[in-house]
Amino acid sequence: GCSFCLLLLGLLLHGSVLSQRAHPRRSPGLAEKPQRDVPRSPPQATKTPTSPPSMSYRLEQEPVMSSPRPDPSPPPPQCVRCCDPPVYPTYQLVPQINITILKGEKGDTGDRGSAGRSGKVGSTGPRGHNGMKGQKGNLGSPGDPCKTHYSAFSVGRKKSLHSDDYFQPLIFDTELVNLYRHFNMFTGKFSCYVPGVYFFNVNVHTWNQKETYLHVMRNEQEVVILYAQPSDRSIMQSQSLMLDLQEKDEVWIRLYKGERENAIFSDDFDTYITFNGYLIKASVEL
């Protein structure tokens, strides 16, 4: 805006100076002196200049001949009175815009370029500080019961037993613990449903003057014996062992009758005879 105003002011001042040079002002009250008739000398032959004669123009764009032109038909001069108002040349203003100072609107975001090459892997940084301990998580859902391996039993007998047959299984009448019903109270046998290592224990009370002779059986094979000789007094006898059982193996107690009478003592008030067993480690966990 300021540049445009300065340009316009300069053009106006330049036109005023040209007008003053073309039309000098006369002092008021002074009359123009009449020129006397001076006898003119006949024209003399002069050499024509090689360069074209100069021609001056007034602001009215009217030519003023300063010297004779070789053109035989020069344009007729026009008379201009000094009292006429000066005619100034017309200038056409052409605005000039500095494109560098113009700023357009922000354009749209261009398309995303392709990914560059991966840089080199940097060296491993130092270990950071240990963070704060997090909050306790929620309780998880119960696991699959089939994946939990347990097996245990504990049974007793309150009645005395005399071995009348050659081999006689020991049957129990009191169930203390029978997890998952792996012990059969009718046959007196423990059946293995979870293969693994088991612990077994047998406790009996001997009878006065009678022999005590039992076997801990695995299927139909004797494993260990529990024995007490005849005595004047009765005592408690115990036997313990561990067995590595396979599925469908059976463990039970068998009385053996020899030359002497075989018996174990108990009564209806107290439990003297017990048979216990439980799983130590399942085979799938070994």
Protein backbone atom coordinates (compact mmCIF):
# COMPACT_ATOMS: atom_id res chain seq x y z
CA GLY A 1 0.00 0.00 0.00
CA CYS A 2 2.72 2.48 0.93
CA SER A 3 4.83 1.52 -2.12
CA PHE A 4 1.88 2.17 -4.44
CA CYS A 5 1.21 5.66 -2.94
CA LEU A 6 4.86 6.64 -3.25
CA LEU A 7 4.88 5.53 -6.91
CA LEU A 8 1.76 7.58 -7.70
CA LEU A 9 3.18 10.69 -5.99
CA GLY A 10 6.42 10.41 -7.94
CA LEU A 11 4.57 10.19 -11.26
CA LEU A 12 2.53 13.32 -10.49
CA LEU A 13 5.62 15.33 -9.53
CA HIS A 14 7.41 14.24 -12.72
CA GLY A 15 4.47 15.35 -14.90
CA SER A 16 4.38 18.80 -13.21
CA VAL A 17 8.06 19.40 -13.94
CA LEU A 18 7.60 18.51 -17.62
CA SER A 19 4.67 20.93 -17.88
CA GLN A 20 6.67 23.82 -16.44
CA ARG A 21 9.46 23.21 -18.91
CA ALA A 22 7.08 23.12 -21.89
CA HIS A 23 5.03 26.22 -20.87
CA PRO A 24 7.04 28.80 -18.93
CA ARG A 25 4.88 31.23 -17.05
CA ARG A 26 4.90 34.92 -17.99
CA SER A 27 4.84 37.77 -15.58
CA PRO A 28 1.43 39.38 -15.35
CA GLY A 29 1.05 42.91 -16.78
CA LEU A 30 3.82 42.60 -19.29
CA ALA A 31 2.79 42.76 -22.94
CA GLU A 32 4.58 40.95 -25.58
CA LYS A 33 6.68 43.30 -27.67
CA PRO A 34 5.91 43.29 -31.33
CA GLN A 35 8.68 42.09 -33.51
CA ARG A 36 9.92 44.34 -36.23
CA ASP A 37 10.03 43.24 -39.76
CA VAL A 38 13.57 42.32 -40.44
CA PRO A 39 14.57 41.87 -44.01
CA ARG A 40 15.30 38.26 -44.57
CA SER A 41 18.29 37.24 -46.60
CA PRO A 42 17.73 34.93 -49.41
CA PRO A 43 18.15 31.31 -48.53
CA GLN A 44 21.59 30.00 -49.04
CA ALA A 45 22.39 26.59 -50.10
CA THR A 46 23.40 24.47 -47.16
CA LYS A 47 24.59 20.99 -46.95
CA THR A 48 22.12 18.40 -45.82
CA PRO A 49 23.32 16.75 -42.63
CA THR A 50 23.94 13.08 -42.84
CA SER A 51 22.16 12.46 -39.56
CA PRO A 52 18.40 12.92 -39.43
CA PRO A 53 17.24 16.26 -38.06
CA SER A 54 16.23 16.31 -34.49
CA MET A 55 12.58 16.77 -33.66
CA SER A 56 11.25 17.92 -30.35
CA TYR A 57 7.76 17.16 -29.07
CA ARG A 58 5.62 19.00 -26.64
CA LEU A 59 3.35 17.29 -24.17
CA GLU A 60 0.45 17.78 -26.64
CA GLN A 61 2.37 15.33 -28.85
CA GLU A 62 2.66 18.09 -31.61
CA PRO A 63 5.94 18.13 -33.53
CA VAL A 64 7.97 21.35 -33.66
CA MET A 65 10.45 21.49 -36.50
CA SER A 66 13.83 22.68 -35.37
CA SER A 67 15.44 22.33 -38.77
CA PRO A 68 14.23 21.76 -42.31
CA ARG A 69 13.42 18.12 -43.07
CA PRO A 70 14.19 16.56 -46.37
CA ASP A 71 10.57 15.30 -46.46
CA PRO A 72 8.86 17.34 -49.22
CA SER A 73 5.48 17.18 -47.49
CA PRO A 74 6.00 17.97 -43.83
CA PRO A 75 2.95 17.91 -41.58
CA PRO A 76 1.42 21.38 -41.09
CA PRO A 77 2.29 22.88 -37.72
CA GLN A 78 -0.46 23.52 -35.26
CA CYS A 79 -0.71 26.78 -33.42
CA VAL A 80 -0.94 26.69 -29.68
CA ARG A 81 -1.80 29.73 -27.67
CA CYS A 82 0.14 30.48 -24.59
CA CYS A 83 -3.00 31.22 -22.64
CA ASP A 84 -4.40 27.76 -23.28
CA PRO A 85 -4.25 25.43 -20.28
CA PRO A 86 -1.40 23.00 -20.40
CA VAL A 87 -2.14 19.50 -21.57
CA TYR A 88 -0.42 16.87 -19.50
CA PRO A 89 0.45 13.46 -20.85
CA THR A 90 -1.75 10.62 -19.74
CA TYR A 91 0.02 7.86 -17.89
CA GLN A 92 -1.36 4.41 -17.41
CA LEU A 93 -0.59 3.08 -13.99
CA VAL A 94 0.43 -0.56 -14.03
CA PRO A 95 0.43 -1.98 -10.52
CA GLN A 96 3.31 -4.27 -9.70
CA ILE A 97 2.73 -6.97 -7.13
CA ASN A 98 5.57 -8.55 -5.24
CA ILE A 99 4.69 -12.20 -5.49
CA THR A 100 7.19 -13.13 -2.80
CA ILE A 101 5.15 -11.39 -0.09
CA LEU A 102 1.89 -13.16 -0.97
CA LYS A 103 1.04 -16.32 0.96
CA GLY A 104 -1.65 -18.70 -0.16
CA GLU A 105 -3.87 -20.99 1.88
CA LYS A 106 -2.57 -24.21 3.33
CA GLY A 107 -2.87 -27.10 0.91
CA ASP A 108 -4.16 -30.59 1.55
CA THR A 109 -2.00 -33.22 3.12
CA GLY A 110 -0.10 -35.22 0.55
CA ASP A 111 0.07 -38.98 0.25
CA ARG A 112 2.29 -40.80 2.65
CA GLY A 113 5.61 -41.75 1.15
CA SER A 114 7.10 -45.20 1.12
CA ALA A 115 8.98 -46.44 4.15
CA GLY A 116 12.66 -45.78 4.19
CA ARG A 117 15.41 -48.27 4.72
CA SER A 118 15.85 -49.74 8.15
CA GLY A 119 18.74 -48.33 10.05
CA LYS A 120 21.45 -50.29 11.78
CA VAL A 121 20.62 -51.98 15.05
CA GLY A 122 21.95 -49.95 17.90
CA SER A 123 23.82 -51.26 20.88
CA THR A 124 21.92 -52.57 23.89
CA GLY A 125 21.18 -49.86 26.38
CA PRO A 126 21.78 -50.07 30.11
CA ARG A 127 19.33 -51.92 32.33
CA GLY A 128 16.57 -49.71 33.64
CA HIS A 129 15.48 -49.29 37.21
CA ASN A 130 13.12 -51.80 38.76
CA GLY A 131 9.55 -50.64 38.60
CA MET A 132 7.08 -50.48 41.45
CA LYS A 133 5.31 -53.64 42.52
CA GLY A 134 1.97 -54.02 40.80
CA GLN A 135 -1.36 -54.65 42.42
CA LYS A 136 -2.58 -58.13 43.22
CA GLY A 137 -4.46 -59.70 40.33
CA ASN A 138 -7.91 -61.19 40.40
CA LEU A 139 -8.55 -64.75 41.46
CA GLY A 140 -8.29 -67.14 38.54
CA SER A 141 -10.93 -69.64 37.52
CA PRO A 142 -10.77 -73.16 38.99
CA GLY A 143 -8.66 -75.62 37.09
CA ASP A 144 -9.77 -78.83 35.43
CA PRO A 145 -10.42 -81.51 38.10
CA CYS A 146 -9.15 -84.17 35.71
CA LYS A 147 -5.68 -82.61 35.83
CA THR A 148 -5.49 -82.75 39.65
CA HIS A 149 -4.16 -86.12 40.81
CA TYR A 150 -5.20 -87.30 44.26
CA SER A 151 -5.91 -90.68 45.78
CA ALA A 152 -6.14 -91.65 49.46
CA PHE A 153 -7.98 -94.03 51.81
CA SER A 154 -8.03 -95.06 55.47
CA VAL A 155 -10.20 -97.97 56.72
CA GLY A 156 -10.51 -99.92 59.98
CA ARG A 157 -11.95 -103.12 61.52
CA LYS A 158 -13.66 -103.52 64.90
CA LYS A 159 -14.13 -107.29 64.85
CA SER A 160 -11.59 -109.97 65.60
CA LEU A 161 -10.66 -112.45 62.91
CA HIS A 162 -9.52 -116.09 63.01
CA SER A 163 -8.06 -117.61 59.89
CA ASP A 164 -10.05 -120.77 59.23
CA ASP A 165 -9.12 -121.04 55.56
CA TYR A 166 -5.71 -121.39 54.02
CA PHE A 167 -5.86 -117.88 52.53
CA GLN A 168 -8.32 -115.30 53.75
CA PRO A 169 -8.64 -111.64 52.69
CA LEU A 170 -8.95 -109.05 55.44
CA ILE A 171 -12.28 -107.21 55.12
CA PHE A 172 -12.82 -103.83 56.83
CA ASP A 173 -16.05 -102.51 58.30
CA THR A 174 -15.14 -98.89 59.16
CA GLU A 175 -14.52 -96.26 56.47
CA LEU A 176 -12.47 -93.30 57.70
CA VAL A 177 -11.33 -91.76 54.35
CA ASN A 178 -12.13 -93.07 50.90
CA LEU A 179 -11.30 -90.39 48.31
CA TYR A 180 -13.06 -90.95 44.98
CA ARG A 181 -14.10 -94.44 46.25
CA HIS A 182 -10.87 -96.03 45.12
CA PHE A 183 -11.08 -98.54 48.02
CA ASN A 184 -13.73 -101.26 47.73
CA MET A 185 -15.25 -101.97 51.16
CA PHE A 186 -16.87 -105.21 49.95
CA THR A 187 -13.72 -106.86 48.62
CA GLY A 188 -11.23 -105.15 50.95
CA LYS A 189 -9.03 -104.12 47.98
CA PHE A 190 -7.63 -100.78 46.83
CA SER A 191 -7.81 -100.25 43.05
CA CYS A 192 -5.28 -97.94 41.35
CA TYR A 193 -6.92 -95.36 39.06
CA VAL A 194 -4.03 -92.85 39.10
CA PRO A 195 -0.67 -94.50 38.29
CA GLY A 196 2.18 -93.39 40.48
CA VAL A 197 4.04 -93.92 43.73
CA TYR A 198 1.87 -94.81 46.77
CA PHE A 199 2.50 -95.18 50.50
CA PHE A 200 0.73 -97.97 52.48
CA ASN A 201 0.56 -98.76 56.20
CA VAL A 202 -1.00 -101.69 58.17
CA ASN A 203 -1.63 -101.76 61.95
CA VAL A 204 -2.94 -104.83 63.84
CA HIS A 205 -3.28 -106.04 67.43
CA THR A 206 -2.01 -109.56 68.23
CA TRP A 207 -3.92 -112.19 70.23
CA ASN A 208 -2.52 -113.88 73.32
CA GLN A 209 -0.96 -117.28 72.62
CA LYS A 210 -1.85 -117.01 68.96
CA GLU A 211 0.26 -116.32 65.89
CA THR A 212 -0.19 -113.24 63.69
CA TYR A 213 0.70 -113.82 60.05
CA LEU A 214 -0.35 -111.42 57.28
CA HIS A 215 0.84 -110.42 53.80
CA VAL A 216 0.49 -107.11 51.98
CA MET A 217 -0.51 -108.21 48.47
CA ARG A 218 -0.08 -106.55 45.09
CA ASN A 219 -2.57 -108.25 42.82
CA GLU A 220 -1.77 -111.94 43.55
CA GLN A 221 1.83 -111.38 44.60
CA GLU A 222 3.06 -111.15 48.20
CA VAL A 223 5.05 -107.97 48.77
CA VAL A 224 5.79 -107.70 52.53
CA ILE A 225 4.86 -109.72 55.62
CA LEU A 226 3.59 -108.68 59.04
CA TYR A 227 4.40 -111.37 61.62
CA ALA A 228 4.24 -111.82 65.41
CA GLN A 229 5.01 -115.03 67.33
CA PRO A 230 2.63 -116.38 69.98
CA SER A 231 3.14 -114.67 73.34
CA ASP A 232 1.59 -114.39 76.77
CA ARG A 233 0.72 -110.79 76.10
CA SER A 234 -0.80 -109.00 73.13
CA ILE A 235 1.00 -106.16 71.28
CA MET A 236 0.47 -103.76 68.40
CA GLN A 237 2.26 -104.62 65.16
CA SER A 238 2.80 -102.34 62.18
CA GLN A 239 4.16 -102.54 58.64
CA SER A 240 4.76 -99.74 56.08
CA LEU A 241 5.90 -99.65 52.45
CA MET A 242 5.79 -97.71 49.16
CA LEU A 243 4.74 -99.16 45.82
CA ASP A 244 4.94 -97.93 42.24
CA LEU A 245 1.53 -98.90 40.92
CA GLN A 246 0.13 -99.05 37.43
CA GLU A 247 -3.47 -98.49 36.46
CA LYS A 248 -5.85 -101.30 37.62
CA ASP A 249 -3.33 -102.70 40.12
CA GLU A 250 -4.90 -103.93 43.40
CA VAL A 251 -3.43 -103.80 46.92
CA TRP A 252 -4.99 -105.81 49.79
CA ILE A 253 -4.25 -107.72 53.06
CA ARG A 254 -4.26 -111.53 53.23
CA LEU A 255 -4.18 -113.79 56.27
CA TYR A 256 -2.10 -116.96 56.01
CA LYS A 257 -2.83 -120.08 57.99
CA GLY A 258 0.07 -122.31 58.87
CA GLU A 259 0.52 -125.06 61.44
CA ARG A 260 -0.53 -122.71 64.23
CA GLU A 261 -3.72 -120.79 64.69
CA ASN A 262 -3.62 -117.33 63.07
CA ALA A 263 -5.72 -114.50 64.51
CA ILE A 264 -5.91 -110.72 65.07
CA PHE A 265 -7.70 -109.07 67.95
CA SER A 266 -10.26 -106.23 68.07
CA ASP A 267 -13.55 -105.39 69.80
CA ASP A 268 -16.73 -103.43 69.16
CA PHE A 269 -15.64 -100.43 71.23
CA ASP A 270 -12.19 -99.60 69.82
CA THR A 271 -10.59 -99.88 66.38
CA TYR A 272 -7.37 -101.89 66.59
CA ILE A 273 -6.94 -102.80 62.94
CA THR A 274 -6.29 -100.11 60.26
CA PHE A 275 -5.19 -100.04 56.63
CA ASN A 276 -4.04 -96.74 55.05
CA GLY A 277 -2.72 -95.61 51.68
CA TYR A 278 -2.29 -92.43 49.61
CA LEU A 279 -0.70 -91.19 46.39
CA ILE A 280 2.70 -89.53 46.76
CA LYS A 281 3.44 -88.62 43.12
CA ALA A 282 1.54 -89.35 39.95
CA SER A 283 3.41 -90.94 37.04
CA VAL A 284 2.60 -88.03 34.72
CA GLU A 285 4.43 -85.68 37.12
CA LEU A 286 7.59 -87.78 37.36
